[in-house]
Amino acid sequence: MKEKENVFNLHTVSKFVEEAHQGQVDRGGHPYFGHLTRVSAKVAYLLSKLPDGMLSAEDKEQAILLGLSHDLLEDTSKTKDDLRALGASELFIKRLEALSRLDKTSTYMDWIRGIAAAGDVVTILVKLADNEDNNDPARIAQLPEDQRSITQRYDRAYKILKAALDEKVAEFM
């Protein structure tokens, strides 16, 4: 009996995400998919800096796919069932939910602290990469002057997430 091929891969997810975000633009007016691909690339870079053996091959693949997908539930009409139909695992969906700020009753910083406290290296890495891209000086410069102070929020979030990641690396060593 032939084993079923995994269709939940970079090619399939990339196409799915690009279609889901079709027509969306970032605050600078650029296609939103560019943000997602940059976050995924930043995740890959961050993964390369982790100690060997800290994450499984499956976790590394999920991290890159989550970099592409991290805004799906929050910013598109796609659902968890759509992801299941595409072949996403329950762990992938759980991580995506953690990266999706669907409950707007808590503050952004509380949400960030929740990601850090949960201690899942994959979600921490993805949120760090998202934070880095959102706080890129070239992107911030495209914002209206009165919105540029958002860098202070991103700086605080980065410190919390980086400390959580550093703690997980230290535990691993």
Protein backbone atom coordinates (compact mmCIF):
# COMPACT_ATOMS: atom_id res chain seq x y z
CA MET A 1 0.00 0.00 0.00
CA LYS A 2 1.40 3.36 -1.03
CA GLU A 3 1.72 6.01 1.68
CA LYS A 4 -0.41 9.13 1.12
CA GLU A 5 1.69 12.11 0.02
CA ASN A 6 1.66 15.11 2.35
CA VAL A 7 -0.08 17.90 0.44
CA PHE A 8 0.28 20.34 3.32
CA ASN A 9 3.63 21.65 2.14
CA LEU A 10 5.29 24.95 1.27
CA HIS A 11 3.94 25.04 -2.29
CA THR A 12 0.34 24.24 -1.36
CA VAL A 13 0.24 26.48 1.70
CA SER A 14 1.87 29.36 -0.14
CA LYS A 15 -0.72 29.18 -2.92
CA PHE A 16 -3.57 28.86 -0.39
CA VAL A 17 -2.34 31.84 1.65
CA GLU A 18 -1.70 34.02 -1.39
CA GLU A 19 -5.23 33.39 -2.66
CA ALA A 20 -6.72 34.02 0.80
CA HIS A 21 -4.98 37.40 1.06
CA GLN A 22 -5.60 38.35 -2.59
CA GLY A 23 -6.30 42.06 -2.90
CA GLN A 24 -5.12 42.90 0.61
CA VAL A 25 -2.41 45.51 1.08
CA ASP A 26 -0.28 46.50 4.05
CA ARG A 27 -0.31 49.97 5.58
CA GLY A 28 2.22 51.07 2.98
CA GLY A 29 -0.08 50.00 0.14
CA HIS A 30 2.01 46.97 -0.88
CA PRO A 31 0.54 43.49 -1.50
CA TYR A 32 0.09 41.86 1.90
CA PHE A 33 1.57 38.57 0.72
CA GLY A 34 4.99 40.27 0.73
CA HIS A 35 4.78 40.64 4.51
CA LEU A 36 3.93 36.97 4.87
CA THR A 37 6.82 35.77 2.71
CA ARG A 38 9.25 38.03 4.58
CA VAL A 39 8.03 36.67 7.92
CA SER A 40 8.46 33.12 6.68
CA ALA A 41 12.00 33.91 5.50
CA LYS A 42 12.79 35.52 8.87
CA VAL A 43 11.49 32.39 10.61
CA ALA A 44 13.85 30.27 8.50
CA TYR A 45 16.73 32.54 9.52
CA LEU A 46 15.81 32.35 13.21
CA LEU A 47 15.56 28.57 12.95
CA SER A 48 19.11 28.47 11.60
CA LYS A 49 20.32 30.19 14.78
CA LEU A 50 18.80 27.63 17.16
CA PRO A 51 20.98 24.89 18.63
CA ASP A 52 21.03 21.66 16.61
CA GLY A 53 18.33 19.26 17.72
CA MET A 54 16.27 21.82 19.61
CA LEU A 55 13.35 21.45 17.19
CA SER A 56 12.28 18.48 15.12
CA ALA A 57 12.18 18.65 11.32
CA GLU A 58 8.39 18.72 11.57
CA ASP A 59 8.47 21.69 13.98
CA LYS A 60 10.85 23.54 11.66
CA GLU A 61 8.58 22.95 8.68
CA GLN A 62 5.55 24.07 10.69
CA ALA A 63 7.36 27.22 11.77
CA ILE A 64 8.03 28.22 8.16
CA LEU A 65 4.46 27.42 7.14
CA LEU A 66 3.13 29.35 10.13
CA GLY A 67 5.23 32.33 9.07
CA LEU A 68 3.27 32.33 5.82
CA SER A 69 -0.06 31.60 7.49
CA HIS A 70 0.09 33.58 10.70
CA ASP A 71 -2.60 36.10 9.68
CA LEU A 72 -5.01 33.70 7.96
CA LEU A 73 -7.56 33.32 10.76
CA GLU A 74 -7.32 36.96 11.79
CA ASP A 75 -7.39 38.69 8.39
CA THR A 76 -9.21 36.39 5.94
CA SER A 77 -12.40 34.36 5.76
CA LYS A 78 -10.44 31.09 5.96
CA THR A 79 -11.27 28.79 8.85
CA LYS A 80 -9.70 25.97 10.79
CA ASP A 81 -11.85 23.58 8.75
CA ASP A 82 -10.38 24.99 5.53
CA LEU A 83 -6.92 24.24 6.91
CA ARG A 84 -7.92 20.74 7.97
CA ALA A 85 -9.24 20.10 4.46
CA LEU A 86 -5.87 21.23 3.11
CA GLY A 87 -4.13 18.72 5.39
CA ALA A 88 -3.07 20.83 8.39
CA SER A 89 -2.44 18.95 11.62
CA GLU A 90 -4.23 19.82 14.84
CA LEU A 91 -0.90 21.00 16.27
CA PHE A 92 -0.49 23.42 13.34
CA ILE A 93 -4.01 24.75 13.91
CA LYS A 94 -3.41 25.12 17.65
CA ARG A 95 -0.26 27.11 16.95
CA LEU A 96 -2.02 29.24 14.35
CA GLU A 97 -4.78 30.02 16.84
CA ALA A 98 -2.14 31.13 19.36
CA LEU A 99 -0.68 33.46 16.71
CA SER A 100 -4.11 34.89 15.87
CA ARG A 101 -5.33 37.73 18.04
CA LEU A 102 -9.00 36.87 17.75
CA ASP A 103 -9.95 37.99 21.27
CA LYS A 104 -9.70 41.77 21.16
CA THR A 105 -10.83 42.10 24.80
CA SER A 106 -7.27 41.58 26.02
CA THR A 107 -4.47 43.99 25.21
CA TYR A 108 -1.82 43.37 22.60
CA MET A 109 0.85 43.12 25.28
CA ASP A 110 -1.22 40.60 27.29
CA TRP A 111 -1.49 38.51 24.13
CA ILE A 112 2.28 38.73 23.59
CA ARG A 113 2.92 37.77 27.21
CA GLY A 114 0.58 34.79 26.72
CA ILE A 115 2.58 33.58 23.70
CA ALA A 116 5.81 33.95 25.67
CA ALA A 117 4.40 32.23 28.78
CA ALA A 118 3.09 29.27 26.77
CA GLY A 119 6.71 28.53 25.92
CA ASP A 120 6.16 27.01 22.48
CA VAL A 121 9.38 27.81 20.62
CA VAL A 122 7.65 27.62 17.23
CA THR A 123 5.00 30.22 18.03
CA ILE A 124 7.55 32.43 19.77
CA LEU A 125 9.81 32.32 16.69
CA VAL A 126 6.96 33.15 14.31
CA LYS A 127 5.76 36.05 16.43
CA LEU A 128 9.33 37.34 16.74
CA ALA A 129 9.70 37.25 12.96
CA ASP A 130 6.33 38.98 12.49
CA ASN A 131 7.32 41.60 15.04
CA GLU A 132 10.66 42.22 13.29
CA ASP A 133 8.99 42.70 9.93
CA ASN A 134 6.30 44.97 11.34
CA ASN A 135 8.98 47.07 13.04
CA ASP A 136 11.24 47.32 9.99
CA PRO A 137 12.29 50.99 9.65
CA ALA A 138 11.44 51.01 5.93
CA ARG A 139 7.90 49.84 6.69
CA ILE A 140 7.49 52.21 9.63
CA ALA A 141 8.61 55.14 7.46
CA GLN A 142 5.62 54.47 5.18
CA LEU A 143 3.18 55.02 8.03
CA PRO A 144 1.63 58.42 8.70
CA GLU A 145 3.71 60.35 11.24
CA ASP A 146 1.07 59.97 13.97
CA GLN A 147 1.21 56.14 13.71
CA ARG A 148 4.98 55.69 13.85
CA SER A 149 5.05 55.47 17.64
CA ILE A 150 3.84 51.90 17.18
CA THR A 151 7.54 51.00 17.20
CA GLN A 152 7.45 51.39 20.99
CA ARG A 153 4.86 48.61 21.23
CA TYR A 154 6.86 46.40 18.89
CA ASP A 155 10.05 47.05 20.86
CA ARG A 156 8.36 46.00 24.13
CA ALA A 157 6.88 42.90 22.48
CA TYR A 158 10.24 41.96 20.98
CA LYS A 159 11.93 42.09 24.39
CA ILE A 160 9.30 39.82 25.94
CA LEU A 161 9.44 37.30 23.09
CA LYS A 162 13.23 37.33 22.84
CA ALA A 163 13.56 36.73 26.59
CA ALA A 164 11.16 33.77 26.32
CA LEU A 165 13.15 32.33 23.41
CA ASP A 166 16.46 32.84 25.22
CA GLU A 167 15.04 31.02 28.25
CA LYS A 168 13.96 28.04 26.10
CA VAL A 169 17.40 27.89 24.46
CA ALA A 170 19.08 27.98 27.89
CA GLU A 171 16.81 25.15 29.11
CA PHE A 172 17.74 23.10 26.06
CA MET A 173 21.47 23.61 26.53
